[in-house]
């Protein structure tokens, strides 16, 4: 098992093809700690973490990338998100089932939030056959029009992913086809257990590969007291007071990291006084 959480970028200098290899281990543990996922569900979510990091690393921007799948299987919704610094988080909503097709059929949504642009970029593609790899390949074919292949593997503790992509403007497809054939020999065990240099050598030892310095993915959540206040402000002042009287405090719990933000009567007075100064209609 690789000792570190790493994302390695590399290029095939003679074939106008680039690649990424990600291996996740320790960084997954805090990402899974919010809920006691069954191992198959944890494995599926770990695949999504690997996939969204691979996605983010292909795009040159500052912001967040979100991968969400809504399906008809036992896992009704799965979401994985990462920043451009590869700080990822995510969750899955599931119900107990003996079905092996955890997601069933549905749709996959890719959302890109750029810090330098006010509008989100969103793309929807069908999710069919239970394969996250195939859905991602369909996304690139439909939205980016770049030939791209994914190989993903995960269990309840680890995740690994390999991506190959033909560079824009490439005219000779023979090298691309050849590299796909080599990559098809990769096994789940190799993705999870071999370090990057060993795996790239095993697959592509007869190719001219240039390997760059690795990036380090990690778990990270952007929840905050300020964001939680926004959730409180969705209540009317009367609703907030009634909830406070019933429970003694209002608690907002982050689904991603289990952080808890608590608000008492003085907090409500501060929040709604600020709202009143913005406009009395917001107090309703």
Protein backbone atom coordinates (compact mmCIF):
# COMPACT_ATOMS: atom_id res chain seq x y z
CA UNK A 1 0.00 0.00 0.00
CA UNK A 2 1.37 3.44 -0.88
CA UNK A 3 2.54 5.22 2.26
CA UNK A 4 1.23 8.64 1.19
CA UNK A 5 -1.72 10.36 -0.42
CA UNK A 6 -0.35 11.53 -3.76
CA UNK A 7 -1.47 12.68 -7.19
CA UNK A 8 1.17 12.29 -9.89
CA UNK A 9 0.99 13.97 -13.30
CA UNK A 10 2.95 12.66 -16.25
CA UNK A 11 3.18 13.05 -20.03
CA UNK A 12 4.16 10.77 -22.89
CA UNK A 13 6.52 13.03 -24.78
CA UNK A 14 6.22 11.29 -28.15
CA UNK A 15 2.45 10.73 -28.18
CA UNK A 16 0.72 14.01 -27.13
CA UNK A 17 -0.94 12.19 -24.24
CA UNK A 18 -1.00 13.17 -20.59
CA UNK A 19 -1.83 11.12 -17.54
CA UNK A 20 -2.61 11.33 -13.87
CA UNK A 21 -2.31 8.72 -11.16
CA UNK A 22 -3.86 9.21 -7.74
CA UNK A 23 -3.54 7.04 -4.65
CA UNK A 24 -5.42 7.83 -1.46
CA UNK A 25 -5.16 6.23 1.98
CA UNK A 26 -4.89 8.14 5.26
CA UNK A 27 -6.65 11.23 3.87
CA UNK A 28 -9.80 9.17 3.33
CA UNK A 29 -10.35 8.42 7.00
CA UNK A 30 -11.59 11.86 8.13
CA UNK A 31 -13.67 12.09 4.95
CA UNK A 32 -15.54 8.92 5.93
CA UNK A 33 -15.80 9.60 9.66
CA UNK A 34 -19.09 11.54 9.50
CA UNK A 35 -21.13 8.37 8.90
CA UNK A 36 -20.58 4.67 9.45
CA UNK A 37 -20.70 3.64 5.82
CA UNK A 38 -20.88 -0.07 4.92
CA UNK A 39 -17.67 -1.05 3.16
CA UNK A 40 -19.23 -1.21 -0.35
CA UNK A 41 -20.64 2.31 0.07
CA UNK A 42 -17.34 3.59 1.50
CA UNK A 43 -15.53 2.02 -1.44
CA UNK A 44 -17.84 3.73 -3.93
CA UNK A 45 -17.39 7.09 -2.22
CA UNK A 46 -13.62 6.57 -2.17
CA UNK A 47 -13.74 6.04 -5.93
CA UNK A 48 -15.58 9.35 -6.22
CA UNK A 49 -12.89 11.11 -4.16
CA UNK A 50 -10.20 9.76 -6.48
CA UNK A 51 -12.24 10.71 -9.54
CA UNK A 52 -12.97 14.30 -8.50
CA UNK A 53 -9.30 14.91 -7.70
CA UNK A 54 -8.35 13.60 -11.15
CA UNK A 55 -11.00 15.88 -12.68
CA UNK A 56 -9.77 18.93 -10.80
CA UNK A 57 -6.17 18.31 -11.78
CA UNK A 58 -7.07 18.46 -15.50
CA UNK A 59 -8.53 21.98 -15.20
CA UNK A 60 -6.40 25.10 -14.76
CA UNK A 61 -8.47 27.34 -12.49
CA UNK A 62 -8.95 28.42 -8.89
CA UNK A 63 -12.12 27.17 -7.28
CA UNK A 64 -14.02 23.97 -6.58
CA UNK A 65 -15.05 20.94 -8.62
CA UNK A 66 -18.07 18.91 -7.53
CA UNK A 67 -19.01 15.44 -8.79
CA UNK A 68 -22.54 14.32 -7.91
CA UNK A 69 -24.40 11.16 -8.89
CA UNK A 70 -28.12 10.68 -8.29
CA UNK A 71 -29.16 7.10 -8.89
CA UNK A 72 -31.99 4.61 -8.54
CA UNK A 73 -29.99 2.09 -6.50
CA UNK A 74 -29.42 1.82 -2.74
CA UNK A 75 -27.06 4.82 -2.92
CA UNK A 76 -29.52 7.55 -3.86
CA UNK A 77 -26.98 10.37 -3.91
CA UNK A 78 -23.21 10.53 -3.82
CA UNK A 79 -21.24 13.77 -3.80
CA UNK A 80 -17.50 14.43 -3.85
CA UNK A 81 -15.96 17.89 -4.00
CA UNK A 82 -12.42 19.23 -4.14
CA UNK A 83 -10.71 22.59 -4.34
CA UNK A 84 -7.94 23.42 -6.79
CA UNK A 85 -5.58 22.64 -3.88
CA UNK A 86 -6.98 19.08 -3.78
CA UNK A 87 -8.70 19.50 -0.42
CA UNK A 88 -11.63 17.12 -0.81
CA UNK A 89 -14.80 16.24 1.06
CA UNK A 90 -17.98 14.29 0.29
CA UNK A 91 -20.90 12.19 1.44
CA UNK A 92 -23.37 9.53 0.33
CA UNK A 93 -27.04 9.00 1.14
CA UNK A 94 -27.86 5.30 1.15
CA UNK A 95 -30.29 2.69 2.39
CA UNK A 96 -29.67 -0.90 3.38
CA UNK A 97 -29.88 -3.33 0.45
CA UNK A 98 -28.34 -6.55 -0.82
CA UNK A 99 -28.08 -5.17 -4.35
CA UNK A 100 -24.58 -5.11 -5.81
CA UNK A 101 -25.50 -2.31 -8.21
CA UNK A 102 -25.29 0.45 -5.64
CA UNK A 103 -26.09 3.42 -7.87
CA UNK A 104 -28.31 1.85 -10.50
CA UNK A 105 -29.10 4.28 -13.28
CA UNK A 106 -29.55 8.01 -13.08
CA UNK A 107 -27.46 11.05 -13.87
CA UNK A 108 -24.05 12.48 -13.07
CA UNK A 109 -23.47 16.19 -12.65
CA UNK A 110 -20.14 18.00 -12.82
CA UNK A 111 -20.12 21.50 -11.34
CA UNK A 112 -17.19 23.91 -11.53
CA UNK A 113 -17.17 27.00 -9.31
CA UNK A 114 -14.41 29.40 -10.30
CA UNK A 115 -13.28 32.09 -7.89
CA UNK A 116 -12.81 34.57 -10.73
CA UNK A 117 -16.25 34.05 -12.29
CA UNK A 118 -19.69 34.55 -10.69
CA UNK A 119 -21.48 31.88 -12.72
CA UNK A 120 -21.15 28.14 -12.24
CA UNK A 121 -20.36 25.73 -15.04
CA UNK A 122 -22.56 22.62 -14.90
CA UNK A 123 -22.77 19.57 -17.12
CA UNK A 124 -25.15 16.61 -16.88
CA UNK A 125 -24.55 13.18 -18.39
CA UNK A 126 -26.45 9.90 -17.98
CA UNK A 127 -25.18 7.45 -15.38
CA UNK A 128 -25.73 3.93 -16.67
CA UNK A 129 -24.33 0.50 -15.90
CA UNK A 130 -23.03 1.40 -12.45
CA UNK A 131 -19.59 2.50 -13.69
CA UNK A 132 -18.20 5.84 -12.58
CA UNK A 133 -15.30 5.42 -15.02
CA UNK A 134 -17.61 5.09 -18.03
CA UNK A 135 -19.74 8.05 -16.96
CA UNK A 136 -16.64 10.24 -16.67
CA UNK A 137 -15.43 9.15 -20.09
CA UNK A 138 -18.85 10.04 -21.51
CA UNK A 139 -18.63 13.44 -19.82
CA UNK A 140 -15.32 14.25 -21.50
CA UNK A 141 -16.56 12.98 -24.85
CA UNK A 142 -19.73 15.10 -24.64
CA UNK A 143 -18.61 18.24 -22.82
CA UNK A 144 -14.88 18.58 -23.41
CA UNK A 145 -14.55 16.60 -26.66
CA UNK A 146 -11.24 15.19 -25.50
CA UNK A 147 -10.58 11.44 -25.70
CA UNK A 148 -10.16 10.45 -22.04
CA UNK A 149 -10.02 7.14 -20.18
CA UNK A 150 -10.39 6.36 -16.47
CA UNK A 151 -9.53 3.34 -14.36
CA UNK A 152 -10.72 3.47 -10.74
CA UNK A 153 -10.38 1.08 -7.81
CA UNK A 154 -11.25 1.37 -4.14
CA UNK A 155 -12.14 -0.49 -0.99
CA UNK A 156 -13.28 0.82 2.37
CA UNK A 157 -9.82 2.19 3.24
CA UNK A 158 -8.01 3.04 0.00
CA UNK A 159 -8.60 4.43 -3.48
CA UNK A 160 -6.59 4.57 -6.67
CA UNK A 161 -7.23 6.06 -10.07
CA UNK A 162 -5.51 6.34 -13.44
CA UNK A 163 -6.49 8.81 -16.14
CA UNK A 164 -5.15 9.13 -19.68
CA UNK A 165 -6.12 12.00 -21.96
CA UNK A 166 -5.17 12.90 -25.49
CA UNK A 167 -3.96 16.47 -25.63
CA UNK A 168 -5.92 19.10 -27.58
CA UNK A 169 -4.83 19.35 -31.18
CA UNK A 170 -3.27 15.88 -31.38
CA UNK A 171 -3.53 14.48 -34.91
CA UNK A 172 -1.97 11.02 -34.67
CA UNK A 173 -4.22 8.59 -32.80
CA UNK A 174 -1.98 5.53 -33.09
CA UNK A 175 -0.02 6.39 -29.96
CA UNK A 176 -3.23 7.09 -28.07
CA UNK A 177 -4.66 3.71 -29.04
CA UNK A 178 -1.43 1.95 -28.07
CA UNK A 179 -1.30 3.56 -24.62
CA UNK A 180 -4.91 2.61 -23.94
CA UNK A 181 -4.08 -1.02 -24.65
CA UNK A 182 -1.21 -0.88 -22.16
CA UNK A 183 -3.32 0.83 -19.51
CA UNK A 184 -6.08 -1.77 -19.87
CA UNK A 185 -3.75 -4.30 -18.23
CA UNK A 186 -3.81 -2.45 -14.90
CA UNK A 187 -5.46 -4.33 -12.04
CA UNK A 188 -7.36 -3.01 -9.03
CA UNK A 189 -4.69 -4.41 -6.74
CA UNK A 190 -1.97 -2.52 -8.61
CA UNK A 191 -3.90 0.75 -8.41
CA UNK A 192 -4.27 0.32 -4.65
CA UNK A 193 -0.91 -1.18 -3.71
CA UNK A 194 1.87 -0.07 -6.06
CA UNK A 195 3.56 3.29 -5.69
CA UNK A 196 3.36 5.65 -8.65
CA UNK A 197 6.82 5.06 -10.10
CA UNK A 198 6.46 1.28 -9.89
CA UNK A 199 3.02 1.29 -11.49
CA UNK A 200 3.95 3.67 -14.30
CA UNK A 201 7.04 1.59 -15.02
CA UNK A 202 5.00 -1.63 -15.00
CA UNK A 203 2.53 -0.25 -17.52
CA UNK A 204 4.67 2.00 -19.69
CA UNK A 205 8.31 0.94 -19.31
CA UNK A 206 8.91 1.05 -23.08
CA UNK A 207 7.51 4.58 -23.44
CA UNK A 208 9.17 7.95 -22.87
CA UNK A 209 7.37 9.17 -19.76
CA UNK A 210 8.08 12.45 -17.97
CA UNK A 211 6.86 12.41 -14.36
CA UNK A 212 6.23 15.70 -12.53
CA UNK A 213 6.43 16.53 -8.84
CA UNK A 214 3.41 15.05 -7.05
CA UNK A 215 0.59 17.01 -5.42
CA UNK A 216 -0.74 16.01 -2.01
CA UNK A 217 -4.53 15.56 -1.70
CA UNK A 218 -6.05 15.96 1.75
CA UNK A 219 -9.42 16.09 3.45
CA UNK A 220 -10.74 19.60 3.99
CA UNK A 221 -14.10 21.18 4.76
CA UNK A 222 -15.08 24.80 4.19
CA UNK A 223 -17.91 24.91 6.71
CA UNK A 224 -17.83 27.85 9.12
CA UNK A 225 -19.85 29.77 11.67
CA UNK A 226 -20.64 32.37 9.00
CA UNK A 227 -22.06 29.74 6.64
CA UNK A 228 -24.09 28.27 9.49
CA UNK A 229 -25.54 31.70 10.26
CA UNK A 230 -26.85 31.78 6.71
CA UNK A 231 -28.72 28.56 7.43
CA UNK A 232 -30.24 30.12 10.55
CA UNK A 233 -31.32 33.15 8.52
CA UNK A 234 -33.47 30.93 6.32
CA UNK A 235 -35.82 30.75 9.33
CA UNK A 236 -38.13 33.59 10.20
CA UNK A 237 -37.40 35.31 13.51
CA UNK A 238 -40.50 33.70 15.05
CA UNK A 239 -39.47 30.23 13.82
CA UNK A 240 -35.98 30.73 15.23
CA UNK A 241 -37.37 31.81 18.61
CA UNK A 242 -39.74 28.82 18.74
CA UNK A 243 -36.89 26.44 17.91
CA UNK A 244 -34.69 28.05 20.54
CA UNK A 245 -37.45 27.74 23.17
CA UNK A 246 -37.95 24.07 22.29
CA UNK A 247 -34.28 23.03 22.26
CA UNK A 248 -32.45 25.61 24.34
CA UNK A 249 -30.12 26.36 21.41
CA UNK A 250 -30.06 26.04 17.64
CA UNK A 251 -27.44 23.60 16.40
CA UNK A 252 -26.22 23.38 12.81
CA UNK A 253 -24.26 20.21 12.06
CA UNK A 254 -22.03 19.90 8.99
CA UNK A 255 -22.82 16.73 7.05
CA UNK A 256 -19.29 16.60 5.66
CA UNK A 257 -17.11 16.84 8.78
CA UNK A 258 -19.52 16.66 11.75
CA UNK A 259 -18.54 20.12 13.00
CA UNK A 260 -21.31 21.64 15.11
CA UNK A 261 -22.21 25.31 15.33
CA UNK A 262 -24.48 26.41 18.18
CA UNK A 263 -26.53 29.60 18.46
CA UNK A 264 -28.14 30.98 21.63
CA UNK A 265 -30.52 33.89 22.27
CA UNK A 266 -27.76 36.49 22.08
CA UNK A 267 -26.64 35.07 18.74
CA UNK A 268 -30.18 35.31 17.40
CA UNK A 269 -30.48 38.90 18.54
CA UNK A 270 -27.24 39.76 16.75
CA UNK A 271 -28.22 37.89 13.55
CA UNK A 272 -31.71 39.31 13.25
CA UNK A 273 -30.73 42.81 14.29
CA UNK A 274 -28.30 42.75 11.38
CA UNK A 275 -31.08 41.51 9.10
CA UNK A 276 -33.42 44.25 10.30
CA UNK A 277 -30.86 46.89 9.41
CA UNK A 278 -30.74 45.40 5.90
CA UNK A 279 -34.51 45.51 5.49
CA UNK A 280 -37.46 44.68 7.75
CA UNK A 281 -39.03 42.45 5.11
CA UNK A 282 -36.29 39.86 5.75
CA UNK A 283 -37.57 39.30 9.27
CA UNK A 284 -41.05 38.21 8.08
